[in-house]
N, C-alpha and C. Protein backbone atom coordinates (compact mmCIF):
# COMPACT_ATOMS: atom_id res chain seq x y z
N MET A 1 -225.84 -10.13 61.88
CA MET A 1 -226.74 -9.16 62.47
C MET A 1 -226.49 -9.04 63.98
N LYS A 2 -226.20 -10.18 64.61
CA LYS A 2 -225.98 -10.17 66.04
C LYS A 2 -224.75 -9.34 66.40
N THR A 3 -223.69 -9.45 65.60
CA THR A 3 -222.49 -8.66 65.89
C THR A 3 -222.73 -7.18 65.61
N PHE A 4 -223.54 -6.87 64.61
CA PHE A 4 -223.87 -5.47 64.31
C PHE A 4 -224.51 -4.82 65.52
N ILE A 5 -225.49 -5.48 66.09
CA ILE A 5 -226.19 -4.94 67.25
C ILE A 5 -225.28 -4.90 68.46
N ALA A 6 -224.55 -5.98 68.70
CA ALA A 6 -223.68 -6.07 69.87
C ALA A 6 -222.58 -5.00 69.84
N GLN A 7 -222.00 -4.76 68.68
CA GLN A 7 -220.95 -3.74 68.56
C GLN A 7 -221.48 -2.36 68.93
N ARG A 8 -222.66 -2.05 68.50
CA ARG A 8 -223.23 -0.75 68.80
C ARG A 8 -223.69 -0.67 70.25
N TRP A 9 -224.27 -1.74 70.75
CA TRP A 9 -224.78 -1.74 72.11
C TRP A 9 -223.64 -1.62 73.14
N HIS A 10 -222.51 -2.24 72.85
CA HIS A 10 -221.37 -2.23 73.78
C HIS A 10 -220.40 -1.09 73.53
N GLY A 11 -220.72 -0.19 72.63
CA GLY A 11 -219.89 0.99 72.42
C GLY A 11 -218.60 0.75 71.66
N LEU A 12 -218.58 -0.25 70.80
CA LEU A 12 -217.38 -0.58 70.04
C LEU A 12 -217.28 0.17 68.72
N VAL A 13 -218.28 0.97 68.40
CA VAL A 13 -218.31 1.74 67.17
C VAL A 13 -218.22 3.22 67.54
N GLY A 14 -217.39 3.95 66.85
CA GLY A 14 -217.20 5.37 67.13
C GLY A 14 -218.43 6.20 66.82
N TRP A 15 -218.52 7.35 67.48
CA TRP A 15 -219.70 8.19 67.30
C TRP A 15 -219.81 8.73 65.88
N ARG A 16 -218.69 8.95 65.21
CA ARG A 16 -218.77 9.46 63.83
C ARG A 16 -219.44 8.46 62.90
N THR A 17 -219.08 7.20 63.03
CA THR A 17 -219.71 6.15 62.22
C THR A 17 -221.18 6.01 62.57
N LEU A 18 -221.46 6.03 63.86
CA LEU A 18 -222.85 5.92 64.29
C LEU A 18 -223.69 7.07 63.76
N PHE A 19 -223.16 8.27 63.86
CA PHE A 19 -223.92 9.44 63.47
C PHE A 19 -224.04 9.56 61.95
N TRP A 20 -222.93 9.58 61.25
CA TRP A 20 -222.96 9.86 59.82
C TRP A 20 -223.49 8.70 59.00
N ARG A 21 -222.98 7.50 59.24
CA ARG A 21 -223.41 6.38 58.41
C ARG A 21 -224.69 5.74 58.92
N ASP A 22 -224.68 5.32 60.20
CA ASP A 22 -225.82 4.55 60.71
C ASP A 22 -227.07 5.39 60.89
N LEU A 23 -226.92 6.60 61.38
CA LEU A 23 -228.09 7.44 61.64
C LEU A 23 -228.52 8.20 60.39
N LEU A 24 -227.63 9.04 59.87
CA LEU A 24 -228.05 9.93 58.78
C LEU A 24 -228.24 9.21 57.45
N VAL A 25 -227.35 8.32 57.07
CA VAL A 25 -227.48 7.68 55.76
C VAL A 25 -228.42 6.48 55.81
N VAL A 26 -228.07 5.47 56.61
CA VAL A 26 -228.88 4.25 56.64
C VAL A 26 -230.24 4.51 57.31
N GLY A 27 -230.22 5.17 58.46
CA GLY A 27 -231.46 5.42 59.18
C GLY A 27 -232.45 6.26 58.40
N THR A 28 -231.96 7.33 57.80
CA THR A 28 -232.85 8.19 57.01
C THR A 28 -233.40 7.44 55.80
N SER A 29 -232.56 6.69 55.12
CA SER A 29 -233.02 5.91 53.96
C SER A 29 -234.08 4.89 54.37
N LEU A 30 -233.82 4.18 55.45
CA LEU A 30 -234.77 3.18 55.94
C LEU A 30 -236.10 3.83 56.33
N ASN A 31 -236.03 4.93 57.04
CA ASN A 31 -237.26 5.62 57.46
C ASN A 31 -238.04 6.17 56.28
N LEU A 32 -237.35 6.74 55.31
CA LEU A 32 -238.05 7.26 54.13
C LEU A 32 -238.70 6.13 53.33
N LEU A 33 -238.01 5.01 53.21
CA LEU A 33 -238.56 3.86 52.50
C LEU A 33 -239.81 3.34 53.19
N MET A 34 -239.75 3.19 54.50
CA MET A 34 -240.89 2.66 55.23
C MET A 34 -242.05 3.66 55.31
N THR A 35 -241.74 4.93 55.37
CA THR A 35 -242.80 5.94 55.34
C THR A 35 -243.49 5.94 53.98
N GLY A 36 -242.71 5.80 52.92
CA GLY A 36 -243.28 5.69 51.58
C GLY A 36 -244.18 4.46 51.45
N LEU A 37 -243.72 3.34 52.01
CA LEU A 37 -244.55 2.13 51.99
C LEU A 37 -245.84 2.34 52.78
N ALA A 38 -245.73 2.98 53.94
CA ALA A 38 -246.92 3.24 54.75
C ALA A 38 -247.90 4.14 54.00
N LEU A 39 -247.39 5.16 53.33
CA LEU A 39 -248.28 6.03 52.54
C LEU A 39 -248.90 5.29 51.36
N ALA A 40 -248.13 4.41 50.73
CA ALA A 40 -248.68 3.61 49.63
C ALA A 40 -249.79 2.69 50.14
N LEU A 41 -249.56 2.05 51.30
CA LEU A 41 -250.60 1.20 51.88
C LEU A 41 -251.83 2.01 52.24
N LEU A 42 -251.61 3.19 52.78
CA LEU A 42 -252.73 4.06 53.16
C LEU A 42 -253.53 4.46 51.93
N SER A 43 -252.87 4.75 50.84
CA SER A 43 -253.57 5.16 49.62
C SER A 43 -254.34 4.01 48.98
N GLN A 44 -253.94 2.79 49.30
CA GLN A 44 -254.63 1.61 48.77
C GLN A 44 -255.70 1.09 49.73
N ASP A 45 -256.03 1.87 50.74
CA ASP A 45 -257.04 1.52 51.73
C ASP A 45 -256.71 0.22 52.48
N ALA A 46 -255.44 0.03 52.77
CA ALA A 46 -255.02 -1.13 53.57
C ALA A 46 -255.47 -0.91 55.01
N PRO A 47 -255.61 -1.99 55.76
CA PRO A 47 -255.97 -1.84 57.18
C PRO A 47 -254.94 -0.98 57.91
N ILE A 48 -255.42 -0.18 58.84
CA ILE A 48 -254.57 0.77 59.54
C ILE A 48 -253.46 0.06 60.32
N GLN A 49 -253.69 -1.18 60.74
CA GLN A 49 -252.66 -1.93 61.45
C GLN A 49 -251.43 -2.13 60.56
N TRP A 50 -251.64 -2.42 59.30
CA TRP A 50 -250.53 -2.62 58.37
C TRP A 50 -249.79 -1.31 58.10
N VAL A 51 -250.55 -0.23 58.03
CA VAL A 51 -249.94 1.08 57.81
C VAL A 51 -249.06 1.46 59.00
N LEU A 52 -249.58 1.27 60.20
CA LEU A 52 -248.80 1.57 61.41
C LEU A 52 -247.59 0.66 61.54
N LEU A 53 -247.76 -0.61 61.21
CA LEU A 53 -246.63 -1.54 61.25
C LEU A 53 -245.52 -1.10 60.31
N ALA A 54 -245.88 -0.74 59.09
CA ALA A 54 -244.88 -0.29 58.13
C ALA A 54 -244.19 0.98 58.61
N HIS A 55 -244.95 1.89 59.18
CA HIS A 55 -244.38 3.17 59.63
C HIS A 55 -243.47 2.99 60.84
N LEU A 56 -243.84 2.12 61.77
CA LEU A 56 -243.09 1.97 63.01
C LEU A 56 -242.06 0.84 62.99
N LEU A 57 -241.97 0.11 61.90
CA LEU A 57 -241.01 -1.01 61.82
C LEU A 57 -239.56 -0.58 62.04
N PRO A 58 -239.11 0.57 61.57
CA PRO A 58 -237.71 0.96 61.82
C PRO A 58 -237.44 1.48 63.23
N LEU A 59 -238.44 1.58 64.08
CA LEU A 59 -238.26 2.16 65.41
C LEU A 59 -237.20 1.45 66.26
N PRO A 60 -237.14 0.12 66.31
CA PRO A 60 -236.07 -0.51 67.10
C PRO A 60 -234.67 -0.13 66.61
N TYR A 61 -234.47 -0.07 65.30
CA TYR A 61 -233.18 0.35 64.76
C TYR A 61 -232.89 1.80 65.17
N ASN A 62 -233.87 2.66 65.04
CA ASN A 62 -233.69 4.06 65.41
C ASN A 62 -233.30 4.20 66.88
N LEU A 63 -233.99 3.48 67.75
CA LEU A 63 -233.69 3.56 69.18
C LEU A 63 -232.30 3.02 69.49
N LEU A 64 -231.90 1.94 68.82
CA LEU A 64 -230.56 1.38 69.02
C LEU A 64 -229.49 2.38 68.64
N ILE A 65 -229.62 3.00 67.49
CA ILE A 65 -228.59 3.92 67.02
C ILE A 65 -228.54 5.18 67.88
N VAL A 66 -229.68 5.73 68.21
CA VAL A 66 -229.69 6.95 69.03
C VAL A 66 -229.15 6.66 70.43
N SER A 67 -229.53 5.54 71.02
CA SER A 67 -229.00 5.21 72.35
C SER A 67 -227.51 4.92 72.29
N SER A 68 -227.03 4.35 71.19
CA SER A 68 -225.59 4.11 71.02
C SER A 68 -224.83 5.42 70.89
N ILE A 69 -225.40 6.37 70.19
CA ILE A 69 -224.77 7.69 70.07
C ILE A 69 -224.72 8.37 71.43
N TRP A 70 -225.80 8.27 72.19
CA TRP A 70 -225.84 8.93 73.49
C TRP A 70 -224.84 8.31 74.48
N SER A 71 -224.55 7.02 74.31
CA SER A 71 -223.60 6.38 75.24
C SER A 71 -222.17 6.38 74.70
N ALA A 72 -221.96 6.89 73.50
CA ALA A 72 -220.61 6.93 72.92
C ALA A 72 -219.74 7.95 73.65
N PRO A 73 -218.49 7.60 73.90
CA PRO A 73 -217.61 8.56 74.57
C PRO A 73 -217.16 9.68 73.62
N GLN A 74 -216.93 10.85 74.17
CA GLN A 74 -216.38 12.00 73.48
C GLN A 74 -217.22 12.48 72.30
N ARG A 75 -218.52 12.31 72.37
CA ARG A 75 -219.37 12.83 71.29
C ARG A 75 -219.73 14.28 71.62
N PRO A 76 -219.81 15.12 70.60
CA PRO A 76 -220.17 16.52 70.82
C PRO A 76 -221.63 16.66 71.27
N ALA A 77 -221.90 17.70 72.01
CA ALA A 77 -223.27 17.95 72.48
C ALA A 77 -224.22 18.19 71.30
N LEU A 78 -223.73 18.81 70.25
CA LEU A 78 -224.56 19.07 69.08
C LEU A 78 -225.07 17.76 68.47
N VAL A 79 -224.22 16.75 68.46
CA VAL A 79 -224.60 15.44 67.91
C VAL A 79 -225.74 14.83 68.74
N LEU A 80 -225.71 15.02 70.04
CA LEU A 80 -226.79 14.52 70.89
C LEU A 80 -228.12 15.19 70.54
N GLY A 81 -228.08 16.50 70.39
CA GLY A 81 -229.30 17.23 70.04
C GLY A 81 -229.84 16.85 68.68
N VAL A 82 -228.95 16.75 67.70
CA VAL A 82 -229.38 16.40 66.34
C VAL A 82 -229.95 14.98 66.32
N SER A 83 -229.33 14.04 67.01
CA SER A 83 -229.83 12.66 67.00
C SER A 83 -231.20 12.56 67.68
N LEU A 84 -231.41 13.31 68.74
CA LEU A 84 -232.72 13.30 69.40
C LEU A 84 -233.78 13.96 68.52
N PHE A 85 -233.44 15.06 67.88
CA PHE A 85 -234.36 15.71 66.95
C PHE A 85 -234.71 14.78 65.79
N TRP A 86 -233.71 14.08 65.26
CA TRP A 86 -233.91 13.13 64.17
C TRP A 86 -234.88 12.02 64.57
N LEU A 87 -234.69 11.49 65.79
CA LEU A 87 -235.57 10.42 66.27
C LEU A 87 -237.00 10.91 66.40
N VAL A 88 -237.20 12.05 67.00
CA VAL A 88 -238.54 12.60 67.15
C VAL A 88 -239.17 12.89 65.78
N LEU A 89 -238.39 13.45 64.89
CA LEU A 89 -238.88 13.76 63.55
C LEU A 89 -239.41 12.54 62.84
N PHE A 90 -238.65 11.46 62.85
CA PHE A 90 -239.08 10.27 62.11
C PHE A 90 -240.14 9.44 62.83
N VAL A 91 -240.26 9.59 64.12
CA VAL A 91 -241.36 8.89 64.81
C VAL A 91 -242.67 9.63 64.57
N VAL A 92 -242.63 10.95 64.62
CA VAL A 92 -243.85 11.74 64.46
C VAL A 92 -244.29 11.79 63.00
N VAL A 93 -243.35 11.97 62.10
CA VAL A 93 -243.69 12.06 60.69
C VAL A 93 -243.82 10.68 60.17
């Protein structure tokens, strides 16, 4: 896990891998799973703290991947816009 984070933080992973695999596939799957869990907890009248924890748990991963994309060399401007939109979408929803 430490090397996973370090590779992305230090820019050792290309923007295509960061965008397509880490952001769109893994990030979207993780966010949908945790949003589903948060909704399930909410429907079971769980304390709101647990619902918020489940919903916001992927936020550190999301911030790591988006910041890694933004610092990646030679990434297209469109990728920057899509990654920022993706981050806002999953934090708000």
